[in-house]
């Protein structure tokens, strides 16, 4: 039996706050535990912010993905 939790959505402001906490030196593990996040969501937000400064999927497509669209 799967114990998946329901999908949650987060505001852009919340994602930015999480990334800023990490940039300020707070440990990844602490942030994930404190805010009940998944590691994959956290890593994705940090990667997106570092690459483009945007959390929107359309702004973070690879050149190949953009060409397919």
PDB file of N, CA and C in Angstrom:
ATOM      1  N   UNK A   1       0.842  -1.189   0.000  1.00  0.00           N
ATOM      2  CA  UNK A   1       0.000   0.000   0.000  1.00  0.00           C
ATOM      3  C   UNK A   1       0.883   1.248   0.000  1.00  0.00           C
ATOM      4  N   UNK A   2       0.532   2.190  -0.824  1.00  0.00           N
ATOM      5  CA  UNK A   2       1.308   3.420  -0.965  1.00  0.00           C
ATOM      6  C   UNK A   2       0.907   4.422   0.115  1.00  0.00           C
ATOM      7  N   UNK A   3       1.897   5.172   0.583  1.00  0.00           N
ATOM      8  CA  UNK A   3       1.616   6.198   1.587  1.00  0.00           C
ATOM      9  C   UNK A   3       1.921   7.574   1.014  1.00  0.00           C
ATOM     10  N   UNK A   4       1.574   7.764  -0.253  1.00  0.00           N
ATOM     11  CA  UNK A   4       1.825   9.061  -0.889  1.00  0.00           C
ATOM     12  C   UNK A   4       0.978  10.130  -0.215  1.00  0.00           C
ATOM     13  N   UNK A   5       1.585  11.268  -0.029  1.00  0.00           N
ATOM     14  CA  UNK A   5       0.808  12.355   0.532  1.00  0.00           C
ATOM     15  C   UNK A   5       0.181  13.144  -0.602  1.00  0.00           C
ATOM     16  N   UNK A   6      -0.901  13.848  -0.310  1.00  0.00           N
ATOM     17  CA  UNK A   6      -1.554  14.611  -1.384  1.00  0.00           C
ATOM     18  C   UNK A   6      -0.620  15.679  -1.940  1.00  0.00           C
ATOM     19  N   UNK A   7      -0.767  15.954  -3.222  1.00  0.00           N
ATOM     20  CA  UNK A   7       0.057  16.969  -3.872  1.00  0.00           C
ATOM     21  C   UNK A   7      -0.284  18.335  -3.306  1.00  0.00           C
ATOM     22  N   UNK A   8       0.754  19.085  -2.979  1.00  0.00           N
ATOM     23  CA  UNK A   8       0.550  20.431  -2.437  1.00  0.00           C
ATOM     24  C   UNK A   8       1.112  21.454  -3.408  1.00  0.00           C
ATOM     25  N   UNK A   9       0.582  22.637  -3.359  1.00  0.00           N
ATOM     26  CA  UNK A   9       1.111  23.710  -4.197  1.00  0.00           C
ATOM     27  C   UNK A   9       1.660  24.800  -3.276  1.00  0.00           C
ATOM     28  N   UNK A  10       2.691  25.465  -3.775  1.00  0.00           N
ATOM     29  CA  UNK A  10       3.358  26.507  -3.000  1.00  0.00           C
ATOM     30  C   UNK A  10       3.426  27.774  -3.836  1.00  0.00           C
ATOM     31  N   UNK A  11       3.339  28.907  -3.168  1.00  0.00           N
ATOM     32  CA  UNK A  11       3.421  30.180  -3.874  1.00  0.00           C
ATOM     33  C   UNK A  11       4.865  30.459  -4.266  1.00  0.00           C
ATOM     34  N   UNK A  12       5.021  31.318  -5.237  1.00  0.00           N
ATOM     35  CA  UNK A  12       6.362  31.718  -5.657  1.00  0.00           C
ATOM     36  C   UNK A  12       7.095  32.392  -4.498  1.00  0.00           C
ATOM     37  N   UNK A  13       6.381  33.174  -3.703  1.00  0.00           N
ATOM     38  CA  UNK A  13       6.992  33.858  -2.565  1.00  0.00           C
ATOM     39  C   UNK A  13       7.520  32.845  -1.540  1.00  0.00           C
ATOM     40  N   UNK A  14       6.767  31.770  -1.306  1.00  0.00           N
ATOM     41  CA  UNK A  14       7.203  30.741  -0.370  1.00  0.00           C
ATOM     42  C   UNK A  14       8.464  30.058  -0.884  1.00  0.00           C
ATOM     43  N   UNK A  15       8.477  29.698  -2.168  1.00  0.00           N
ATOM     44  CA  UNK A  15       9.642  29.041  -2.762  1.00  0.00           C
ATOM     45  C   UNK A  15      10.870  29.934  -2.648  1.00  0.00           C
ATOM     46  N   UNK A  16      10.681  31.221  -2.911  1.00  0.00           N
ATOM     47  CA  UNK A  16      11.797  32.178  -2.826  1.00  0.00           C
ATOM     48  C   UNK A  16      12.313  32.262  -1.392  1.00  0.00           C
ATOM     49  N   UNK A  17      11.407  32.261  -0.432  1.00  0.00           N
ATOM     50  CA  UNK A  17      11.795  32.317   0.981  1.00  0.00           C
ATOM     51  C   UNK A  17      12.630  31.082   1.351  1.00  0.00           C
ATOM     52  N   UNK A  18      12.227  29.916   0.874  1.00  0.00           N
ATOM     53  CA  UNK A  18      12.957  28.677   1.159  1.00  0.00           C
ATOM     54  C   UNK A  18      14.367  28.756   0.565  1.00  0.00           C
ATOM     55  N   UNK A  19      14.464  29.204  -0.679  1.00  0.00           N
ATOM     56  CA  UNK A  19      15.776  29.325  -1.336  1.00  0.00           C
ATOM     57  C   UNK A  19      16.645  30.331  -0.596  1.00  0.00           C
ATOM     58  N   UNK A  20      16.060  31.440  -0.170  1.00  0.00           N
ATOM     59  CA  UNK A  20      16.823  32.458   0.553  1.00  0.00           C
ATOM     60  C   UNK A  20      17.331  31.924   1.894  1.00  0.00           C
ATOM     61  N   UNK A  21      16.529  31.129   2.585  1.00  0.00           N
ATOM     62  CA  UNK A  21      16.983  30.524   3.839  1.00  0.00           C
ATOM     63  C   UNK A  21      18.207  29.650   3.583  1.00  0.00           C
ATOM     64  N   UNK A  22      18.155  28.880   2.511  1.00  0.00           N
ATOM     65  CA  UNK A  22      19.259  27.997   2.168  1.00  0.00           C
ATOM     66  C   UNK A  22      20.506  28.812   1.808  1.00  0.00           C
ATOM     67  N   UNK A  23      20.320  29.872   1.027  1.00  0.00           N
ATOM     68  CA  UNK A  23      21.448  30.721   0.636  1.00  0.00           C
ATOM     69  C   UNK A  23      22.076  31.405   1.847  1.00  0.00           C
ATOM     70  N   UNK A  24      21.259  31.657   2.871  1.00  0.00           N
ATOM     71  CA  UNK A  24      21.754  32.313   4.083  1.00  0.00           C
ATOM     72  C   UNK A  24      22.499  31.343   4.995  1.00  0.00           C
ATOM     73  N   UNK A  25      22.521  30.065   4.619  1.00  0.00           N
ATOM     74  CA  UNK A  25      23.314  29.111   5.386  1.00  0.00           C
ATOM     75  C   UNK A  25      22.536  28.063   6.152  1.00  0.00           C
ATOM     76  N   UNK A  26      21.207  28.122   6.125  1.00  0.00           N
ATOM     77  CA  UNK A  26      20.424  27.098   6.831  1.00  0.00           C
ATOM     78  C   UNK A  26      20.574  25.774   6.095  1.00  0.00           C
ATOM     79  N   UNK A  27      20.760  24.714   6.821  1.00  0.00           N
ATOM     80  CA  UNK A  27      21.005  23.389   6.240  1.00  0.00           C
ATOM     81  C   UNK A  27      19.777  22.865   5.489  1.00  0.00           C
ATOM     82  N   UNK A  28      20.041  22.196   4.368  1.00  0.00           N
ATOM     83  CA  UNK A  28      18.981  21.607   3.540  1.00  0.00           C
ATOM     84  C   UNK A  28      18.072  20.728   4.389  1.00  0.00           C
ATOM     85  N   UNK A  29      18.671  19.851   5.179  1.00  0.00           N
ATOM     86  CA  UNK A  29      17.899  18.910   5.996  1.00  0.00           C
ATOM     87  C   UNK A  29      16.983  19.650   6.969  1.00  0.00           C
ATOM     88  N   UNK A  30      17.484  20.698   7.595  1.00  0.00           N
ATOM     89  CA  UNK A  30      16.680  21.474   8.545  1.00  0.00           C
ATOM     90  C   UNK A  30      15.483  22.120   7.860  1.00  0.00           C
ATOM     91  N   UNK A  31      15.707  22.694   6.682  1.00  0.00           N
ATOM     92  CA  UNK A  31      14.621  23.352   5.957  1.00  0.00           C
ATOM     93  C   UNK A  31      13.562  22.333   5.565  1.00  0.00           C
ATOM     94  N   UNK A  32      13.992  21.200   5.027  1.00  0.00           N
ATOM     95  CA  UNK A  32      13.049  20.160   4.594  1.00  0.00           C
ATOM     96  C   UNK A  32      12.206  19.667   5.766  1.00  0.00           C
ATOM     97  N   UNK A  33      12.850  19.425   6.899  1.00  0.00           N
ATOM     98  CA  UNK A  33      12.113  18.947   8.077  1.00  0.00           C
ATOM     99  C   UNK A  33      11.196  20.017   8.648  1.00  0.00           C
ATOM    100  N   UNK A  34      11.707  21.234   8.774  1.00  0.00           N
ATOM    101  CA  UNK A  34      10.930  22.311   9.394  1.00  0.00           C
ATOM    102  C   UNK A  34       9.685  22.663   8.588  1.00  0.00           C
ATOM    103  N   UNK A  35       9.807  22.645   7.259  1.00  0.00           N
ATOM    104  CA  UNK A  35       8.681  23.048   6.410  1.00  0.00           C
ATOM    105  C   UNK A  35       7.959  21.860   5.791  1.00  0.00           C
ATOM    106  N   UNK A  36       8.315  20.640   6.198  1.00  0.00           N
ATOM    107  CA  UNK A  36       7.673  19.411   5.721  1.00  0.00           C
ATOM    108  C   UNK A  36       7.674  19.339   4.191  1.00  0.00           C
ATOM    109  N   UNK A  37       8.862  19.514   3.613  1.00  0.00           N
ATOM    110  CA  UNK A  37       9.016  19.488   2.160  1.00  0.00           C
ATOM    111  C   UNK A  37       9.618  18.156   1.729  1.00  0.00           C
ATOM    112  N   UNK A  38       9.515  17.860   0.442  1.00  0.00           N
ATOM    113  CA  UNK A  38      10.246  16.721  -0.099  1.00  0.00           C
ATOM    114  C   UNK A  38      11.607  17.227  -0.559  1.00  0.00           C
ATOM    115  N   UNK A  39      12.588  16.360  -0.498  1.00  0.00           N
ATOM    116  CA  UNK A  39      13.922  16.727  -0.951  1.00  0.00           C
ATOM    117  C   UNK A  39      13.932  17.103  -2.415  1.00  0.00           C
ATOM    118  N   UNK A  40      13.133  16.387  -3.216  1.00  0.00           N
ATOM    119  CA  UNK A  40      13.117  16.666  -4.655  1.00  0.00           C
ATOM    120  C   UNK A  40      12.526  18.039  -4.955  1.00  0.00           C
ATOM    121  N   UNK A  41      11.493  18.440  -4.229  1.00  0.00           N
ATOM    122  CA  UNK A  41      10.906  19.774  -4.444  1.00  0.00           C
ATOM    123  C   UNK A  41      11.925  20.851  -4.062  1.00  0.00           C
ATOM    124  N   UNK A  42      12.555  20.670  -2.924  1.00  0.00           N
ATOM    125  CA  UNK A  42      13.558  21.639  -2.466  1.00  0.00           C
ATOM    126  C   UNK A  42      14.678  21.779  -3.492  1.00  0.00           C
ATOM    127  N   UNK A  43      15.218  20.641  -3.927  1.00  0.00           N
ATOM    128  CA  UNK A  43      16.325  20.663  -4.897  1.00  0.00           C
ATOM    129  C   UNK A  43      15.912  21.333  -6.198  1.00  0.00           C
ATOM    130  N   UNK A  44      14.693  21.081  -6.636  1.00  0.00           N
ATOM    131  CA  UNK A  44      14.185  21.673  -7.878  1.00  0.00           C
ATOM    132  C   UNK A  44      14.098  23.195  -7.743  1.00  0.00           C
ATOM    133  N   UNK A  45      13.577  23.672  -6.621  1.00  0.00           N
ATOM    134  CA  UNK A  45      13.449  25.117  -6.427  1.00  0.00           C
ATOM    135  C   UNK A  45      14.810  25.794  -6.413  1.00  0.00           C
ATOM    136  N   UNK A  46      15.772  25.194  -5.726  1.00  0.00           N
ATOM    137  CA  UNK A  46      17.120  25.779  -5.669  1.00  0.00           C
ATOM    138  C   UNK A  46      17.724  25.794  -7.070  1.00  0.00           C
ATOM    139  N   UNK A  47      17.604  24.688  -7.805  1.00  0.00           N
ATOM    140  CA  UNK A  47      18.156  24.600  -9.163  1.00  0.00           C
ATOM    141  C   UNK A  47      17.506  25.638 -10.086  1.00  0.00           C
ATOM    142  N   UNK A  48      16.181  25.733 -10.047  1.00  0.00           N
ATOM    143  CA  UNK A  48      15.483  26.699 -10.902  1.00  0.00           C
ATOM    144  C   UNK A  48      15.908  28.122 -10.564  1.00  0.00           C
ATOM    145  N   UNK A  49      15.985  28.431  -9.290  1.00  0.00           N
ATOM    146  CA  UNK A  49      16.355  29.784  -8.890  1.00  0.00           C
ATOM    147  C   UNK A  49      17.776  30.117  -9.331  1.00  0.00           C
ATOM    148  N   UNK A  50      18.680  29.155  -9.213  1.00  0.00           N
ATOM    149  CA  UNK A  50      20.066  29.381  -9.621  1.00  0.00           C
ATOM    150  C   UNK A  50      20.212  29.509 -11.135  1.00  0.00           C
ATOM    151  N   UNK A  51      19.398  28.773 -11.897  1.00  0.00           N
ATOM    152  CA  UNK A  51      19.521  28.800 -13.356  1.00  0.00           C
ATOM    153  C   UNK A  51      18.872  30.026 -13.973  1.00  0.00           C
ATOM    154  N   UNK A  52      17.637  30.312 -13.588  1.00  0.00           N
ATOM    155  CA  UNK A  52      16.905  31.385 -14.270  1.00  0.00           C
ATOM    156  C   UNK A  52      16.321  32.436 -13.332  1.00  0.00           C
ATOM    157  N   UNK A  53      16.297  32.155 -12.054  1.00  0.00           N
ATOM    158  CA  UNK A  53      15.656  33.079 -11.121  1.00  0.00           C
ATOM    159  C   UNK A  53      14.150  32.955 -11.123  1.00  0.00           C
ATOM    160  N   UNK A  54      13.625  31.996 -11.884  1.00  0.00           N
ATOM    161  CA  UNK A  54      12.175  31.808 -12.003  1.00  0.00           C
ATOM    162  C   UNK A  54      11.802  30.397 -11.576  1.00  0.00           C
ATOM    163  N   UNK A  55      10.619  30.260 -10.985  1.00  0.00           N
ATOM    164  CA  UNK A  55      10.121  28.950 -10.595  1.00  0.00           C
ATOM    165  C   UNK A  55       9.104  28.418 -11.601  1.00  0.00           C
ATOM    166  N   UNK A  56       8.845  29.164 -12.669  1.00  0.00           N
ATOM    167  CA  UNK A  56       7.876  28.741 -13.679  1.00  0.00           C
ATOM    168  C   UNK A  56       8.518  27.710 -14.606  1.00  0.00           C
ATOM    169  N   UNK A  57       7.789  26.629 -14.870  1.00  0.00           N
ATOM    170  CA  UNK A  57       8.324  25.557 -15.710  1.00  0.00           C
ATOM    171  C   UNK A  57       8.729  26.069 -17.092  1.00  0.00           C
ATOM    172  N   UNK A  58       7.915  26.950 -17.675  1.00  0.00           N
ATOM    173  CA  UNK A  58       8.206  27.424 -19.038  1.00  0.00           C
ATOM    174  C   UNK A  58       9.529  28.189 -19.117  1.00  0.00           C
ATOM    175  N   UNK A  59       9.947  28.773 -17.999  1.00  0.00           N
ATOM    176  CA  UNK A  59      11.204  29.513 -17.978  1.00  0.00           C
ATOM    177  C   UNK A  59      12.412  28.600 -17.753  1.00  0.00           C
ATOM    178  N   UNK A  60      12.155  27.349 -17.394  1.00  0.00           N
ATOM    179  CA  UNK A  60      13.229  26.430 -17.051  1.00  0.00           C
ATOM    180  C   UNK A  60      13.323  25.238 -17.994  1.00  0.00           C
ATOM    181  N   UNK A  61      12.803  25.373 -19.197  1.00  0.00           N
ATOM    182  CA  UNK A  61      12.889  24.302 -20.178  1.00  0.00           C
ATOM    183  C   UNK A  61      14.296  24.239 -20.773  1.00  0.00           C
ATOM    184  N   UNK A  62      14.730  23.036 -21.120  1.00  0.00           N
ATOM    185  CA  UNK A  62      16.007  22.876 -21.803  1.00  0.00           C
ATOM    186  C   UNK A  62      15.816  23.317 -23.242  1.00  0.00           C
ATOM    187  N   UNK A  63      16.891  23.617 -23.973  1.00  0.00           N
ATOM    188  CA  UNK A  63      16.755  23.976 -25.400  1.00  0.00           C
ATOM    189  C   UNK A  63      16.000  22.900 -26.185  1.00  0.00           C
ATOM    190  N   UNK A  64      16.238  21.637 -25.859  1.00  0.00           N
ATOM    191  CA  UNK A  64      15.536  20.545 -26.547  1.00  0.00           C
ATOM    192  C   UNK A  64      14.033  20.578 -26.255  1.00  0.00           C
ATOM    193  N   UNK A  65      13.671  20.837 -25.019  1.00  0.00           N
ATOM    194  CA  UNK A  65      12.254  20.908 -24.663  1.00  0.00           C
ATOM    195  C   UNK A  65      11.576  22.092 -25.344  1.00  0.00           C
ATOM    196  N   UNK A  66      12.283  23.215 -25.441  1.00  0.00           N
ATOM    197  CA  UNK A  66      11.725  24.391 -26.106  1.00  0.00           C
ATOM    198  C   UNK A  66      11.501  24.109 -27.589  1.00  0.00           C
ATOM    199  N   UNK A  67      12.442  23.389 -28.201  1.00  0.00           N
ATOM    200  CA  UNK A  67      12.308  23.072 -29.628  1.00  0.00           C
ATOM    201  C   UNK A  67      11.116  22.148 -29.867  1.00  0.00           C
ATOM    202  N   UNK A  68      10.887  21.210 -28.980  1.00  0.00           N
ATOM    203  CA  UNK A  68       9.760  20.287 -29.118  1.00  0.00           C
ATOM    204  C   UNK A  68       8.422  21.002 -29.001  1.00  0.00           C
ATOM    205  N   UNK A  69       8.375  22.043 -28.207  1.00  0.00           N
ATOM    206  CA  UNK A  69       7.142  22.820 -28.048  1.00  0.00           C
ATOM    207  C   UNK A  69       6.859  23.560 -29.336  1.00  0.00           C
TER     208      UNK A  69
END
